[in-house]
Amino acid sequence: MNQLNTYLKVAPHAAEAIAAGKPVVALESTIISHGMPYPKNVETALQVEETVRANGAIPATIALLDGKIVVGLDRDEIEALGKAGLSVTKTSRRDMPIVLAEKKMGATTVAATMIAANLAGIPIFATGGIGGVHRKGEQTLDISADLEELAVTPVMVVCSGAKSILDIGRTLEYLETKGVPVVGYETDEMPAFYTRKSGFPLTIRLDDPEKTAEAFRIKRALGLSGGMVIANPVPADAEMDPDLINQTITEALADADRKGITGKDITPFLLDRIQRQTSGRSLETNIRLVLSNAALAARIAVALSRRP
């Protein structure tokens, strides 16, 4: 435990809440550094934290700073992360030891945020969309570490489904194979990030935070490994035109292939292209869905805190 404390720093406000059994929601930092430009990224991060508070929980934004995993960034740390932008190291499971050893600034992906949240004792995390199996993944084996993390780390992830740049069908198959419950919140279909529907049905639906929290309690009580995905569709009035999004993604993927862009560079490239092709509309949709997920995660966190 002492060795862990060398690398894990939980901010006092988060540590006190966790110790007291109060509801806490973990938040990632890649959306700040790589998800949108400054100062919109900082404004959004602070707005997400305020949304968590407004729904009864305590936010804990996570990043790697000065050789430590920091759980519960303060305003100055969020500002620094936002200003540094793409120069910040996008940090997943494999990157964490290196970023910590080199004392670099690291923005946590879904996988890294799940690890940090679990180390700190936070059972729920809100994000935009999870990673998954990339298109042509059967040829490239380009599969996000988020899926493996969901298979082993007991953290509930509230999201708007898988990013629409991915192969959503194969992503769901992968999660099923790993035994990860994918729960539709007020939906019978997997959301596709910018759109409410993907064409891929879900077999589990729960429309109540209390029931969702209870399902997660039972999962842990049974000793079943891994997390749970809560798929919360983007608000209807913020949804984008599916045809426009799909056409933009197809064109962007072809361009990325021509330019040799692969691996962890592909997602920021595609998101930037989508933002430019939609004249910024995708950015506003992204913000709306993250705020919606933060609100839902906070309500589930409150339900979780009522009974351990």
Foldseek 3Di string as FASTA:
>chain_A
DVVQVQAEAEDPVRLVCLVVLFFEAEEFFCCLQQVDAPPVSLVLVVLLQVLLVVLRYGYWYWWQAQLHTYTRDDSVVSVVSNVCHPVAAADAPVCNVVCNVVRGTYTYALRRSLVNCVVSNHAEYEDAEHWAQAVVCVPVVQGDCNLVSQLAGAHEYEYQYHALRGDRVVRVVSNVVSVAAEEEAPDQARGHRLANHDPHGHPHYDPDLLVVLVVSVVCVVVVRGGYYYYNYHQPPVLHDDPVQLVVQSVVQVVVCVVVVNDHPRSVSSSSVSSCVSVVNSSVVSSSRRRSVRSSSRSNSSNSNSVDD
